[in-house]
C-alpha cells in the first residue's frame, strides 16, 4: 500500500497507548500502521521530539477510525489549566534542581591542600 493512501488519525506518545489504539482499531477491522513505532521502541526518549507515534489508516477507513478513537476512553482529554499549573511549577523546580550545577564553593590550589595531615610546603619556600 502506498503511503499516500494513508491518513493519520491520531498520535500516541507512548508505546502502550499506541498498542491500545492499534488493538482497538484492529478489532474493528481497521488496518493500522503505527509510524515511528520502532524508533520509539529503541529511542523512547525521542518520542516527543518526533511528534509521537502517528497512527495511520487507509483513507477509506479514516472516518470509522476517527469515530472509534473519539468514543474510546484511552483518548486523553485536555486537563484544566489549574491542574497543569502546579505540575508545570514542579517540573521547572526539578529542572532547576537537576539541570543546574551547584554554586561554586571556592578555589583550592594544590599547594594549600593538606598532604597526610599537614600542609604541603609551597615551592620556593624558606629553608
PDB file of N, CA and C in Angstrom:
ATOM      1  N   UNK A   1       0.843  -1.176   0.000  1.00  0.00           N
ATOM      2  CA  UNK A   1       0.000   0.000   0.000  1.00  0.00           C
ATOM      3  C   UNK A   1       0.889   1.239   0.000  1.00  0.00           C
ATOM      4  N   UNK A   2       0.551   2.206  -0.801  1.00  0.00           N
ATOM      5  CA  UNK A   2       1.334   3.432  -0.873  1.00  0.00           C
ATOM      6  C   UNK A   2       1.104   4.287   0.363  1.00  0.00           C
ATOM      7  N   UNK A   3       2.140   5.037   0.744  1.00  0.00           N
ATOM      8  CA  UNK A   3       1.993   5.934   1.891  1.00  0.00           C
ATOM      9  C   UNK A   3       1.004   7.056   1.614  1.00  0.00           C
ATOM     10  N   UNK A   4       0.791   7.400   0.344  1.00  0.00           N
ATOM     11  CA  UNK A   4      -0.126   8.494   0.015  1.00  0.00           C
ATOM     12  C   UNK A   4      -1.573   8.098   0.286  1.00  0.00           C
ATOM     13  N   UNK A   5      -1.868   6.793   0.403  1.00  0.00           N
ATOM     14  CA  UNK A   5      -3.222   6.332   0.702  1.00  0.00           C
ATOM     15  C   UNK A   5      -3.498   6.276   2.198  1.00  0.00           C
ATOM     16  N   UNK A   6      -2.505   6.592   3.013  1.00  0.00           N
ATOM     17  CA  UNK A   6      -2.663   6.529   4.458  1.00  0.00           C
ATOM     18  C   UNK A   6      -2.997   7.901   5.030  1.00  0.00           C
ATOM     19  N   UNK A   7      -3.861   7.890   6.040  1.00  0.00           N
ATOM     20  CA  UNK A   7      -4.270   9.120   6.717  1.00  0.00           C
ATOM     21  C   UNK A   7      -3.952   8.965   8.193  1.00  0.00           C
ATOM     22  N   UNK A   8      -3.370   9.988   8.798  1.00  0.00           N
ATOM     23  CA  UNK A   8      -3.069   9.953  10.233  1.00  0.00           C
ATOM     24  C   UNK A   8      -4.335  10.292  11.011  1.00  0.00           C
ATOM     25  N   UNK A   9      -4.730   9.393  11.902  1.00  0.00           N
ATOM     26  CA  UNK A   9      -5.956   9.612  12.679  1.00  0.00           C
ATOM     27  C   UNK A   9      -5.664   9.949  14.134  1.00  0.00           C
ATOM     28  N   UNK A  10      -4.430   9.851  14.555  1.00  0.00           N
ATOM     29  CA  UNK A  10      -4.082  10.199  15.925  1.00  0.00           C
ATOM     30  C   UNK A  10      -2.615   9.954  16.196  1.00  0.00           C
ATOM     31  N   UNK A  11      -2.179  10.450  17.349  1.00  0.00           N
ATOM     32  CA  UNK A  11      -0.796  10.287  17.769  1.00  0.00           C
ATOM     33  C   UNK A  11      -0.791   9.733  19.177  1.00  0.00           C
ATOM     34  N   UNK A  12       0.133   8.860  19.436  1.00  0.00           N
ATOM     35  CA  UNK A  12       0.333   8.320  20.785  1.00  0.00           C
ATOM     36  C   UNK A  12       1.746   8.696  21.211  1.00  0.00           C
ATOM     37  N   UNK A  13       1.906   9.043  22.477  1.00  0.00           N
ATOM     38  CA  UNK A  13       3.226   9.437  22.971  1.00  0.00           C
ATOM     39  C   UNK A  13       3.846   8.370  23.851  1.00  0.00           C
ATOM     40  N   UNK A  14       3.354   7.151  23.713  1.00  0.00           N
ATOM     41  CA  UNK A  14       3.927   6.007  24.396  1.00  0.00           C
ATOM     42  C   UNK A  14       3.518   4.758  23.642  1.00  0.00           C
ATOM     43  N   UNK A  15       4.326   3.734  23.757  1.00  0.00           N
ATOM     44  CA  UNK A  15       4.005   2.507  23.029  1.00  0.00           C
ATOM     45  C   UNK A  15       2.775   1.815  23.596  1.00  0.00           C
ATOM     46  N   UNK A  16       2.515   1.956  24.869  1.00  0.00           N
ATOM     47  CA  UNK A  16       1.336   1.329  25.452  1.00  0.00           C
ATOM     48  C   UNK A  16       0.061   1.922  24.865  1.00  0.00           C
ATOM     49  N   UNK A  17       0.013   3.262  24.776  1.00  0.00           N
ATOM     50  CA  UNK A  17      -1.161   3.917  24.209  1.00  0.00           C
ATOM     51  C   UNK A  17      -1.321   3.580  22.735  1.00  0.00           C
ATOM     52  N   UNK A  18      -0.202   3.530  22.021  1.00  0.00           N
ATOM     53  CA  UNK A  18      -0.259   3.177  20.597  1.00  0.00           C
ATOM     54  C   UNK A  18      -0.745   1.747  20.416  1.00  0.00           C
ATOM     55  N   UNK A  19      -0.301   0.832  21.270  1.00  0.00           N
ATOM     56  CA  UNK A  19      -0.727  -0.558  21.179  1.00  0.00           C
ATOM     57  C   UNK A  19      -2.212  -0.706  21.502  1.00  0.00           C
ATOM     58  N   UNK A  20      -2.695   0.057  22.494  1.00  0.00           N
ATOM     59  CA  UNK A  20      -4.125   0.009  22.821  1.00  0.00           C
ATOM     60  C   UNK A  20      -4.973   0.515  21.659  1.00  0.00           C
ATOM     61  N   UNK A  21      -4.557   1.627  21.077  1.00  0.00           N
ATOM     62  CA  UNK A  21      -5.309   2.169  19.946  1.00  0.00           C
ATOM     63  C   UNK A  21      -5.244   1.229  18.750  1.00  0.00           C
ATOM     64  N   UNK A  22      -4.098   0.625  18.522  1.00  0.00           N
ATOM     65  CA  UNK A  22      -3.948  -0.309  17.406  1.00  0.00           C
ATOM     66  C   UNK A  22      -4.817  -1.547  17.633  1.00  0.00           C
ATOM     67  N   UNK A  23      -4.885  -2.037  18.857  1.00  0.00           N
ATOM     68  CA  UNK A  23      -5.729  -3.190  19.163  1.00  0.00           C
ATOM     69  C   UNK A  23      -7.208  -2.852  19.006  1.00  0.00           C
ATOM     70  N   UNK A  24      -7.600  -1.665  19.445  1.00  0.00           N
ATOM     71  CA  UNK A  24      -8.993  -1.235  19.312  1.00  0.00           C
ATOM     72  C   UNK A  24      -9.392  -1.142  17.849  1.00  0.00           C
ATOM     73  N   UNK A  25      -8.565  -0.492  17.063  1.00  0.00           N
ATOM     74  CA  UNK A  25      -8.870  -0.340  15.646  1.00  0.00           C
ATOM     75  C   UNK A  25      -8.779  -1.670  14.907  1.00  0.00           C
ATOM     76  N   UNK A  26      -7.806  -2.485  15.269  1.00  0.00           N
ATOM     77  CA  UNK A  26      -7.670  -3.794  14.636  1.00  0.00           C
ATOM     78  C   UNK A  26      -8.859  -4.700  14.923  1.00  0.00           C
ATOM     79  N   UNK A  27      -9.424  -4.618  16.137  1.00  0.00           N
ATOM     80  CA  UNK A  27     -10.593  -5.426  16.493  1.00  0.00           C
ATOM     81  C   UNK A  27     -11.826  -4.996  15.702  1.00  0.00           C
ATOM     82  N   UNK A  28     -11.858  -3.731  15.292  1.00  0.00           N
ATOM     83  CA  UNK A  28     -12.978  -3.225  14.493  1.00  0.00           C
ATOM     84  C   UNK A  28     -12.753  -3.462  13.005  1.00  0.00           C
ATOM     85  N   UNK A  29     -11.640  -4.081  12.649  1.00  0.00           N
ATOM     86  CA  UNK A  29     -11.382  -4.383  11.243  1.00  0.00           C
ATOM     87  C   UNK A  29     -10.649  -3.294  10.486  1.00  0.00           C
ATOM     88  N   UNK A  30     -10.107  -2.319  11.206  1.00  0.00           N
ATOM     89  CA  UNK A  30      -9.362  -1.222  10.580  1.00  0.00           C
ATOM     90  C   UNK A  30      -7.880  -1.587  10.588  1.00  0.00           C
ATOM     91  N   UNK A  31      -7.252  -1.520   9.452  1.00  0.00           N
ATOM     92  CA  UNK A  31      -5.812  -1.809   9.330  1.00  0.00           C
ATOM     93  C   UNK A  31      -5.041  -0.573   9.808  1.00  0.00           C
ATOM     94  N   UNK A  32      -4.134  -0.756  10.764  1.00  0.00           N
ATOM     95  CA  UNK A  32      -3.402   0.370  11.366  1.00  0.00           C
ATOM     96  C   UNK A  32      -1.917   0.204  11.091  1.00  0.00           C
ATOM     97  N   UNK A  33      -1.282   1.327  10.743  1.00  0.00           N
ATOM     98  CA  UNK A  33       0.170   1.366  10.524  1.00  0.00           C
ATOM     99  C   UNK A  33       0.759   2.398  11.487  1.00  0.00           C
ATOM    100  N   UNK A  34       1.379   1.951  12.592  1.00  0.00           N
ATOM    101  CA  UNK A  34       1.970   2.908  13.533  1.00  0.00           C
ATOM    102  C   UNK A  34       3.324   3.407  13.021  1.00  0.00           C
ATOM    103  N   UNK A  35       3.361   4.652  12.635  1.00  0.00           N
ATOM    104  CA  UNK A  35       4.595   5.259  12.137  1.00  0.00           C
ATOM    105  C   UNK A  35       5.510   5.578  13.316  1.00  0.00           C
ATOM    106  N   UNK A  36       6.801   5.452  13.152  1.00  0.00           N
ATOM    107  CA  UNK A  36       7.855   5.671  14.156  1.00  0.00           C
ATOM    108  C   UNK A  36       7.716   4.747  15.367  1.00  0.00           C
ATOM    109  N   UNK A  37       7.031   3.628  15.237  1.00  0.00           N
ATOM    110  CA  UNK A  37       6.899   2.662  16.330  1.00  0.00           C
ATOM    111  C   UNK A  37       8.266   2.115  16.740  1.00  0.00           C
ATOM    112  N   UNK A  38       9.066   1.769  15.749  1.00  0.00           N
ATOM    113  CA  UNK A  38      10.349   1.139  16.057  1.00  0.00           C
ATOM    114  C   UNK A  38      11.364   2.135  16.600  1.00  0.00           C
ATOM    115  N   UNK A  39      11.283   3.374  16.165  1.00  0.00           N
ATOM    116  CA  UNK A  39      12.159   4.397  16.739  1.00  0.00           C
ATOM    117  C   UNK A  39      11.812   4.593  18.211  1.00  0.00           C
ATOM    118  N   UNK A  40      10.517   4.609  18.514  1.00  0.00           N
ATOM    119  CA  UNK A  40      10.088   4.775  19.902  1.00  0.00           C
ATOM    120  C   UNK A  40      10.463   3.574  20.756  1.00  0.00           C
ATOM    121  N   UNK A  41      10.582   2.398  20.145  1.00  0.00           N
ATOM    122  CA  UNK A  41      10.963   1.227  20.937  1.00  0.00           C
ATOM    123  C   UNK A  41      12.450   1.225  21.259  1.00  0.00           C
ATOM    124  N   UNK A  42      13.269   1.827  20.401  1.00  0.00           N
ATOM    125  CA  UNK A  42      14.710   1.858  20.630  1.00  0.00           C
ATOM    126  C   UNK A  42      15.125   3.138  21.355  1.00  0.00           C
ATOM    127  N   UNK A  43      14.638   4.255  20.897  1.00  0.00           N
ATOM    128  CA  UNK A  43      14.965   5.560  21.494  1.00  0.00           C
ATOM    129  C   UNK A  43      13.676   6.173  22.056  1.00  0.00           C
ATOM    130  N   UNK A  44      13.161   5.631  23.141  1.00  0.00           N
ATOM    131  CA  UNK A  44      11.864   6.055  23.662  1.00  0.00           C
ATOM    132  C   UNK A  44      11.845   7.533  24.050  1.00  0.00           C
ATOM    133  N   UNK A  45      12.983   8.098  24.436  1.00  0.00           N
ATOM    134  CA  UNK A  45      13.016   9.492  24.854  1.00  0.00           C
ATOM    135  C   UNK A  45      12.932  10.448  23.667  1.00  0.00           C
ATOM    136  N   UNK A  46      12.982   9.936  22.445  1.00  0.00           N
ATOM    137  CA  UNK A  46      12.811  10.774  21.259  1.00  0.00           C
ATOM    138  C   UNK A  46      11.348  10.873  20.832  1.00  0.00           C
ATOM    139  N   UNK A  47      10.460  10.184  21.498  1.00  0.00           N
ATOM    140  CA  UNK A  47       9.067  10.092  21.051  1.00  0.00           C
ATOM    141  C   UNK A  47       8.419  11.468  20.942  1.00  0.00           C
ATOM    142  N   UNK A  48       8.609  12.314  21.920  1.00  0.00           N
ATOM    143  CA  UNK A  48       8.009  13.652  21.865  1.00  0.00           C
ATOM    144  C   UNK A  48       8.677  14.512  20.799  1.00  0.00           C
ATOM    145  N   UNK A  49       9.964  14.385  20.649  1.00  0.00           N
ATOM    146  CA  UNK A  49      10.673  15.179  19.643  1.00  0.00           C
ATOM    147  C   UNK A  49      10.248  14.804  18.227  1.00  0.00           C
ATOM    148  N   UNK A  50       9.899  13.551  18.018  1.00  0.00           N
ATOM    149  CA  UNK A  50       9.460  13.108  16.691  1.00  0.00           C
ATOM    150  C   UNK A  50       7.979  13.337  16.454  1.00  0.00           C
ATOM    151  N   UNK A  51       7.274  13.870  17.427  1.00  0.00           N
ATOM    152  CA  UNK A  51       5.852  14.131  17.259  1.00  0.00           C
ATOM    153  C   UNK A  51       4.975  12.964  17.650  1.00  0.00           C
ATOM    154  N   UNK A  52       5.514  12.015  18.359  1.00  0.00           N
ATOM    155  CA  UNK A  52       4.737  10.871  18.798  1.00  0.00           C
ATOM    156  C   UNK A  52       4.698   9.776  17.756  1.00  0.00           C
ATOM    157  N   UNK A  53       3.945   8.745  18.057  1.00  0.00           N
ATOM    158  CA  UNK A  53       3.750   7.630  17.131  1.00  0.00           C
ATOM    159  C   UNK A  53       2.470   7.915  16.369  1.00  0.00           C
ATOM    160  N   UNK A  54       2.597   8.206  15.095  1.00  0.00           N
ATOM    161  CA  UNK A  54       1.425   8.530  14.277  1.00  0.00           C
ATOM    162  C   UNK A  54       0.700   7.245  13.912  1.00  0.00           C
ATOM    163  N   UNK A  55      -0.588   7.199  14.203  1.00  0.00           N
ATOM    164  CA  UNK A  55      -1.398   6.050  13.836  1.00  0.00           C
ATOM    165  C   UNK A  55      -2.033   6.340  12.487  1.00  0.00           C
ATOM    166  N   UNK A  56      -1.621   5.607  11.480  1.00  0.00           N
ATOM    167  CA  UNK A  56      -2.092   5.839  10.119  1.00  0.00           C
ATOM    168  C   UNK A  56      -2.985   4.687   9.679  1.00  0.00           C
ATOM    169  N   UNK A  57      -4.068   5.040   8.992  1.00  0.00           N
ATOM    170  CA  UNK A  57      -5.019   4.055   8.479  1.00  0.00           C
ATOM    171  C   UNK A  57      -5.269   4.364   7.003  1.00  0.00           C
ATOM    172  N   UNK A  58      -5.792   3.393   6.251  1.00  0.00           N
ATOM    173  CA  UNK A  58      -6.152   3.683   4.860  1.00  0.00           C
ATOM    174  C   UNK A  58      -7.215   4.778   4.799  1.00  0.00           C
ATOM    175  N   UNK A  59      -7.156   5.593   3.760  1.00  0.00           N
ATOM    176  CA  UNK A  59      -8.063   6.742   3.635  1.00  0.00           C
ATOM    177  C   UNK A  59      -9.526   6.314   3.642  1.00  0.00           C
ATOM    178  N   UNK A  60      -9.835   5.149   3.118  1.00  0.00           N
ATOM    179  CA  UNK A  60     -11.215   4.679   3.071  1.00  0.00           C
ATOM    180  C   UNK A  60     -11.766   4.352   4.459  1.00  0.00           C
ATOM    181  N   UNK A  61     -10.898   4.043   5.422  1.00  0.00           N
ATOM    182  CA  UNK A  61     -11.329   3.680   6.769  1.00  0.00           C
ATOM    183  C   UNK A  61     -11.084   4.790   7.794  1.00  0.00           C
ATOM    184  N   UNK A  62     -10.683   5.949   7.333  1.00  0.00           N
ATOM    185  CA  UNK A  62     -10.309   7.032   8.253  1.00  0.00           C
ATOM    186  C   UNK A  62     -11.481   7.508   9.096  1.00  0.00           C
ATOM    187  N   UNK A  63     -12.671   7.672   8.507  1.00  0.00           N
ATOM    188  CA  UNK A  63     -13.831   8.175   9.253  1.00  0.00           C
ATOM    189  C   UNK A  63     -14.216   7.200  10.367  1.00  0.00           C
ATOM    190  N   UNK A  64     -14.199   5.898  10.071  1.00  0.00           N
ATOM    191  CA  UNK A  64     -14.519   4.901  11.094  1.00  0.00           C
ATOM    192  C   UNK A  64     -13.482   4.910  12.212  1.00  0.00           C
ATOM    193  N   UNK A  65     -12.223   5.029  11.848  1.00  0.00           N
ATOM    194  CA  UNK A  65     -11.153   5.033  12.847  1.00  0.00           C
ATOM    195  C   UNK A  65     -11.248   6.259  13.748  1.00  0.00           C
ATOM    196  N   UNK A  66     -11.530   7.407  13.176  1.00  0.00           N
ATOM    197  CA  UNK A  66     -11.650   8.629  13.981  1.00  0.00           C
ATOM    198  C   UNK A  66     -12.823   8.515  14.945  1.00  0.00           C
ATOM    199  N   UNK A  67     -13.945   7.963  14.484  1.00  0.00           N
ATOM    200  CA  UNK A  67     -15.117   7.792  15.352  1.00  0.00           C
ATOM    201  C   UNK A  67     -14.813   6.814  16.485  1.00  0.00           C
ATOM    202  N   UNK A  68     -14.114   5.734  16.193  1.00  0.00           N
ATOM    203  CA  UNK A  68     -13.763   4.767  17.234  1.00  0.00           C
ATOM    204  C   UNK A  68     -12.825   5.366  18.278  1.00  0.00           C
ATOM    205  N   UNK A  69     -11.835   6.105  17.827  1.00  0.00           N
ATOM    206  CA  UNK A  69     -10.884   6.711  18.761  1.00  0.00           C
ATOM    207  C   UNK A  69     -11.530   7.815  19.594  1.00  0.00           C
ATOM    208  N   UNK A  70     -12.472   8.531  19.008  1.00  0.00           N
ATOM    209  CA  UNK A  70     -13.129   9.612  19.750  1.00  0.00           C
ATOM    210  C   UNK A  70     -14.034   9.069  20.853  1.00  0.00           C
ATOM    211  N   UNK A  71     -14.626   7.894  20.639  1.00  0.00           N
ATOM    212  CA  UNK A  71     -15.532   7.312  21.637  1.00  0.00           C
ATOM    213  C   UNK A  71     -14.818   6.463  22.681  1.00  0.00           C
ATOM    214  N   UNK A  72     -13.525   6.255  22.515  1.00  0.00           N
ATOM    215  CA  UNK A  72     -12.791   5.364  23.388  1.00  0.00           C
ATOM    216  C   UNK A  72     -12.230   6.088  24.596  1.00  0.00           C
ATOM    217  N   UNK A  73     -12.235   5.453  25.773  1.00  0.00           N
ATOM    218  CA  UNK A  73     -11.688   6.106  26.970  1.00  0.00           C
ATOM    219  C   UNK A  73     -10.166   6.224  27.003  1.00  0.00           C
ATOM    220  N   UNK A  74      -9.420   5.572  26.077  1.00  0.00           N
ATOM    221  CA  UNK A  74      -7.965   5.731  26.109  1.00  0.00           C
ATOM    222  C   UNK A  74      -7.535   7.091  25.598  1.00  0.00           C
ATOM    223  N   UNK A  75      -8.434   7.801  24.940  1.00  0.00           N
ATOM    224  CA  UNK A  75      -8.111   9.131  24.444  1.00  0.00           C
ATOM    225  C   UNK A  75      -8.101  10.081  25.632  1.00  0.00           C
ATOM    226  N   UNK A  76      -6.988  10.774  25.815  1.00  0.00           N
ATOM    227  CA  UNK A  76      -6.876  11.702  26.943  1.00  0.00           C
ATOM    228  C   UNK A  76      -7.549  13.010  26.603  1.00  0.00           C
ATOM    229  N   UNK A  77      -8.354  13.445  27.495  1.00  0.00           N
ATOM    230  CA  UNK A  77      -8.984  14.764  27.359  1.00  0.00           C
ATOM    231  C   UNK A  77      -8.041  15.797  27.959  1.00  0.00           C
ATOM    232  N   UNK A  78      -7.978  16.981  27.364  1.00  0.00           N
ATOM    233  CA  UNK A  78      -7.096  18.015  27.939  1.00  0.00           C
ATOM    234  C   UNK A  78      -7.548  18.382  29.352  1.00  0.00           C
ATOM    235  N   UNK A  79      -6.580  18.529  30.229  1.00  0.00           N
ATOM    236  CA  UNK A  79      -6.897  18.890  31.610  1.00  0.00           C
ATOM    237  C   UNK A  79      -7.012  20.403  31.742  1.00  0.00           C
ATOM    238  N   UNK A  80      -7.686  20.791  32.791  1.00  0.00           N
ATOM    239  CA  UNK A  80      -7.876  22.215  33.065  1.00  0.00           C
ATOM    240  C   UNK A  80      -6.536  22.856  33.413  1.00  0.00           C
ATOM    241  N   UNK A  81      -6.390  24.148  33.096  1.00  0.00           N
ATOM    242  CA  UNK A  81      -5.104  24.812  33.311  1.00  0.00           C
ATOM    243  C   UNK A  81      -4.760  24.898  34.797  1.00  0.00           C
ATOM    244  N   UNK A  82      -5.747  24.878  35.692  1.00  0.00           N
ATOM    245  CA  UNK A  82      -5.439  24.912  37.122  1.00  0.00           C
ATOM    246  C   UNK A  82      -4.758  23.628  37.586  1.00  0.00           C
ATOM    247  N   UNK A  83      -5.014  22.512  36.903  1.00  0.00           N
ATOM    248  CA  UNK A  83      -4.321  21.281  37.231  1.00  0.00           C
ATOM    249  C   UNK A  83      -2.925  21.288  36.632  1.00  0.00           C
ATOM    250  N   UNK A  84      -2.778  21.873  35.453  1.00  0.00           N
ATOM    251  CA  UNK A  84      -1.481  21.886  34.774  1.00  0.00           C
ATOM    252  C   UNK A  84      -0.488  22.831  35.436  1.00  0.00           C
ATOM    253  N   UNK A  85      -0.964  23.898  36.070  1.00  0.00           N
ATOM    254  CA  UNK A  85      -0.071  24.893  36.665  1.00  0.00           C
ATOM    255  C   UNK A  85       0.833  24.302  37.746  1.00  0.00           C
ATOM    256  N   UNK A  86       0.313  23.589  38.758  1.00  0.00           N
ATOM    257  CA  UNK A  86       1.242  23.016  39.755  1.00  0.00           C
ATOM    258  C   UNK A  86       2.193  21.992  39.153  1.00  0.00           C
ATOM    259  N   UNK A  87       1.729  21.236  38.180  1.00  0.00           N
ATOM    260  CA  UNK A  87       2.606  20.261  37.539  1.00  0.00           C
ATOM    261  C   UNK A  87       3.748  20.979  36.821  1.00  0.00           C
ATOM    262  N   UNK A  88       3.447  22.082  36.154  1.00  0.00           N
ATOM    263  CA  UNK A  88       4.486  22.854  35.468  1.00  0.00           C
ATOM    264  C   UNK A  88       5.468  23.456  36.467  1.00  0.00           C
ATOM    265  N   UNK A  89       4.973  23.945  37.602  1.00  0.00           N
ATOM    266  CA  UNK A  89       5.853  24.529  38.626  1.00  0.00           C
ATOM    267  C   UNK A  89       6.798  23.461  39.179  1.00  0.00           C
ATOM    268  N   UNK A  90       6.267  22.282  39.466  1.00  0.00           N
ATOM    269  CA  UNK A  90       7.112  21.197  39.970  1.00  0.00           C
ATOM    270  C   UNK A  90       8.128  20.782  38.916  1.00  0.00           C
ATOM    271  N   UNK A  91       7.708  20.725  37.656  1.00  0.00           N
ATOM    272  CA  UNK A  91       8.635  20.349  36.583  1.00  0.00           C
ATOM    273  C   UNK A  91       9.772  21.360  36.464  1.00  0.00           C
ATOM    274  N   UNK A  92       9.467  22.644  36.571  1.00  0.00           N
ATOM    275  CA  UNK A  92      10.507  23.680  36.494  1.00  0.00           C
ATOM    276  C   UNK A  92      11.434  23.586  37.705  1.00  0.00           C
ATOM    277  N   UNK A  93      10.866  23.308  38.879  1.00  0.00           N
ATOM    278  CA  UNK A  93      11.709  23.172  40.072  1.00  0.00           C
ATOM    279  C   UNK A  93      12.652  21.978  39.938  1.00  0.00           C
ATOM    280  N   UNK A  94      12.166  20.873  39.410  1.00  0.00           N
ATOM    281  CA  UNK A  94      13.021  19.707  39.204  1.00  0.00           C
ATOM    282  C   UNK A  94      14.093  20.014  38.175  1.00  0.00           C
ATOM    283  N   UNK A  95      13.717  20.736  37.120  1.00  0.00           N
ATOM    284  CA  UNK A  95      14.692  21.117  36.104  1.00  0.00           C
ATOM    285  C   UNK A  95      15.801  21.967  36.717  1.00  0.00           C
ATOM    286  N   UNK A  96      15.432  22.945  37.540  1.00  0.00           N
ATOM    287  CA  UNK A  96      16.449  23.771  38.179  1.00  0.00           C
ATOM    288  C   UNK A  96      17.308  22.956  39.137  1.00  0.00           C
ATOM    289  N   UNK A  97      16.690  22.029  39.874  1.00  0.00           N
ATOM    290  CA  UNK A  97      17.426  21.238  40.842  1.00  0.00           C
ATOM    291  C   UNK A  97      18.417  20.298  40.166  1.00  0.00           C
ATOM    292  N   UNK A  98      17.982  19.652  39.098  1.00  0.00           N
ATOM    293  CA  UNK A  98      18.820  18.661  38.441  1.00  0.00           C
ATOM    294  C   UNK A  98      19.674  19.276  37.342  1.00  0.00           C
ATOM    295  N   UNK A  99      19.151  20.291  36.664  1.00  0.00           N
ATOM    296  CA  UNK A  99      19.801  20.802  35.469  1.00  0.00           C
ATOM    297  C   UNK A  99      20.921  21.789  35.691  1.00  0.00           C
ATOM    298  N   UNK A 100      20.966  22.437  36.840  1.00  0.00           N
ATOM    299  CA  UNK A 100      21.992  23.433  37.064  1.00  0.00           C
ATOM    300  C   UNK A 100      23.018  22.926  38.068  1.00  0.00           C
ATOM    301  N   UNK A 101      24.284  23.212  37.849  1.00  0.00           N
ATOM    302  CA  UNK A 101      25.291  22.771  38.809  1.00  0.00           C
ATOM    303  C   UNK A 101      25.198  23.597  40.092  1.00  0.00           C
ATOM    304  N   UNK A 102      25.705  23.086  41.191  1.00  0.00           N
ATOM    305  CA  UNK A 102      25.666  23.857  42.429  1.00  0.00           C
ATOM    306  C   UNK A 102      26.569  25.085  42.323  1.00  0.00           C
ATOM    307  N   UNK A 103      26.327  26.087  43.164  1.00  0.00           N
ATOM    308  CA  UNK A 103      27.164  27.285  43.102  1.00  0.00           C
ATOM    309  C   UNK A 103      28.610  26.957  43.477  1.00  0.00           C
ATOM    310  N   UNK A 104      29.558  27.726  42.968  1.00  0.00           N
ATOM    311  CA  UNK A 104      30.960  27.448  43.282  1.00  0.00           C
ATOM    312  C   UNK A 104      31.227  27.669  44.771  1.00  0.00           C
ATOM    313  N   UNK A 105      32.112  26.859  45.323  1.00  0.00           N
ATOM    314  CA  UNK A 105      32.401  26.982  46.749  1.00  0.00           C
ATOM    315  C   UNK A 105      33.829  27.416  47.019  1.00  0.00           C
ATOM    316  N   UNK A 106      34.546  27.844  46.000  1.00  0.00           N
ATOM    317  CA  UNK A 106      35.900  28.339  46.208  1.00  0.00           C
ATOM    318  C   UNK A 106      36.906  27.613  45.350  1.00  0.00           C
ATOM    319  N   UNK A 107      38.111  28.164  45.355  1.00  0.00           N
ATOM    320  CA  UNK A 107      39.204  27.582  44.595  1.00  0.00           C
ATOM    321  C   UNK A 107      40.254  27.111  45.576  1.00  0.00           C
ATOM    322  N   UNK A 108      40.732  25.901  45.421  1.00  0.00           N
ATOM    323  CA  UNK A 108      41.707  25.336  46.330  1.00  0.00           C
ATOM    324  C   UNK A 108      42.934  24.910  45.551  1.00  0.00           C
ATOM    325  N   UNK A 109      43.986  25.686  45.584  1.00  0.00           N
ATOM    326  CA  UNK A 109      45.205  25.275  44.888  1.00  0.00           C
ATOM    327  C   UNK A 109      45.827  24.063  45.573  1.00  0.00           C
ATOM    328  N   UNK A 110      46.541  23.279  44.822  1.00  0.00           N
ATOM    329  CA  UNK A 110      47.146  22.065  45.357  1.00  0.00           C
ATOM    330  C   UNK A 110      48.157  22.354  46.449  1.00  0.00           C
ATOM    331  N   UNK A 111      48.769  23.499  46.399  1.00  0.00           N
ATOM    332  CA  UNK A 111      49.808  23.817  47.375  1.00  0.00           C
ATOM    333  C   UNK A 111      49.218  23.919  48.773  1.00  0.00           C
ATOM    334  N   UNK A 112      48.009  24.399  48.905  1.00  0.00           N
ATOM    335  CA  UNK A 112      47.431  24.614  50.219  1.00  0.00           C
ATOM    336  C   UNK A 112      46.642  23.419  50.732  1.00  0.00           C
ATOM    337  N   UNK A 113      46.517  22.380  49.940  1.00  0.00           N
ATOM    338  CA  UNK A 113      45.773  21.209  50.388  1.00  0.00           C
ATOM    339  C   UNK A 113      46.589  20.434  51.404  1.00  0.00           C
ATOM    340  N   UNK A 114      45.949  19.898  52.400  1.00  0.00           N
ATOM    341  CA  UNK A 114      46.686  19.102  53.377  1.00  0.00           C
ATOM    342  C   UNK A 114      47.213  17.821  52.746  1.00  0.00           C
ATOM    343  N   UNK A 115      48.463  17.527  52.983  1.00  0.00           N
ATOM    344  CA  UNK A 115      49.056  16.285  52.500  1.00  0.00           C
ATOM    345  C   UNK A 115      49.424  15.456  53.719  1.00  0.00           C
ATOM    346  N   UNK A 116      48.781  14.353  53.909  1.00  0.00           N
ATOM    347  CA  UNK A 116      48.952  13.445  55.047  1.00  0.00           C
ATOM    348  C   UNK A 116      48.957  14.184  56.384  1.00  0.00           C
ATOM    349  N   UNK A 117      47.924  14.962  56.586  1.00  0.00           N
ATOM    350  CA  UNK A 117      47.730  15.590  57.888  1.00  0.00           C
ATOM    351  C   UNK A 117      48.455  16.896  58.092  1.00  0.00           C
ATOM    352  N   UNK A 118      49.254  17.360  57.163  1.00  0.00           N
ATOM    353  CA  UNK A 118      49.938  18.648  57.332  1.00  0.00           C
ATOM    354  C   UNK A 118      49.884  19.403  56.017  1.00  0.00           C
ATOM    355  N   UNK A 119      50.106  20.664  56.064  1.00  0.00           N
ATOM    356  CA  UNK A 119      50.096  21.477  54.845  1.00  0.00           C
ATOM    357  C   UNK A 119      51.346  21.191  54.039  1.00  0.00           C
ATOM    358  N   UNK A 120      51.129  21.084  52.734  1.00  0.00           N
ATOM    359  CA  UNK A 120      52.290  20.877  51.858  1.00  0.00           C
ATOM    360  C   UNK A 120      53.078  22.162  51.790  1.00  0.00           C
ATOM    361  N   UNK A 121      54.379  21.994  51.680  1.00  0.00           N
ATOM    362  CA  UNK A 121      55.229  23.162  51.637  1.00  0.00           C
ATOM    363  C   UNK A 121      55.168  23.798  50.259  1.00  0.00           C
ATOM    364  N   UNK A 122      55.079  25.102  50.230  1.00  0.00           N
ATOM    365  CA  UNK A 122      54.999  25.841  48.968  1.00  0.00           C
ATOM    366  C   UNK A 122      56.342  25.762  48.270  1.00  0.00           C
ATOM    367  N   UNK A 123      56.335  25.689  46.933  1.00  0.00           N
ATOM    368  CA  UNK A 123      57.610  25.663  46.213  1.00  0.00           C
ATOM    369  C   UNK A 123      58.349  26.980  46.423  1.00  0.00           C
ATOM    370  N   UNK A 124      59.650  26.862  46.557  1.00  0.00           N
ATOM    371  CA  UNK A 124      60.461  28.071  46.748  1.00  0.00           C
ATOM    372  C   UNK A 124      60.351  28.613  48.152  1.00  0.00           C
ATOM    373  N   UNK A 125      59.911  27.779  49.081  1.00  0.00           N
ATOM    374  CA  UNK A 125      59.734  28.221  50.466  1.00  0.00           C
ATOM    375  C   UNK A 125      61.072  28.432  51.162  1.00  0.00           C
ATOM    376  N   UNK A 126      61.007  28.880  52.400  1.00  0.00           N
ATOM    377  CA  UNK A 126      62.225  29.139  53.174  1.00  0.00           C
ATOM    378  C   UNK A 126      62.762  27.857  53.752  1.00  0.00           C
ATOM    379  N   UNK A 127      64.053  27.773  53.870  1.00  0.00           N
ATOM    380  CA  UNK A 127      64.721  26.595  54.455  1.00  0.00           C
ATOM    381  C   UNK A 127      65.038  26.816  55.882  1.00  0.00           C
TER     382      UNK A 127
END
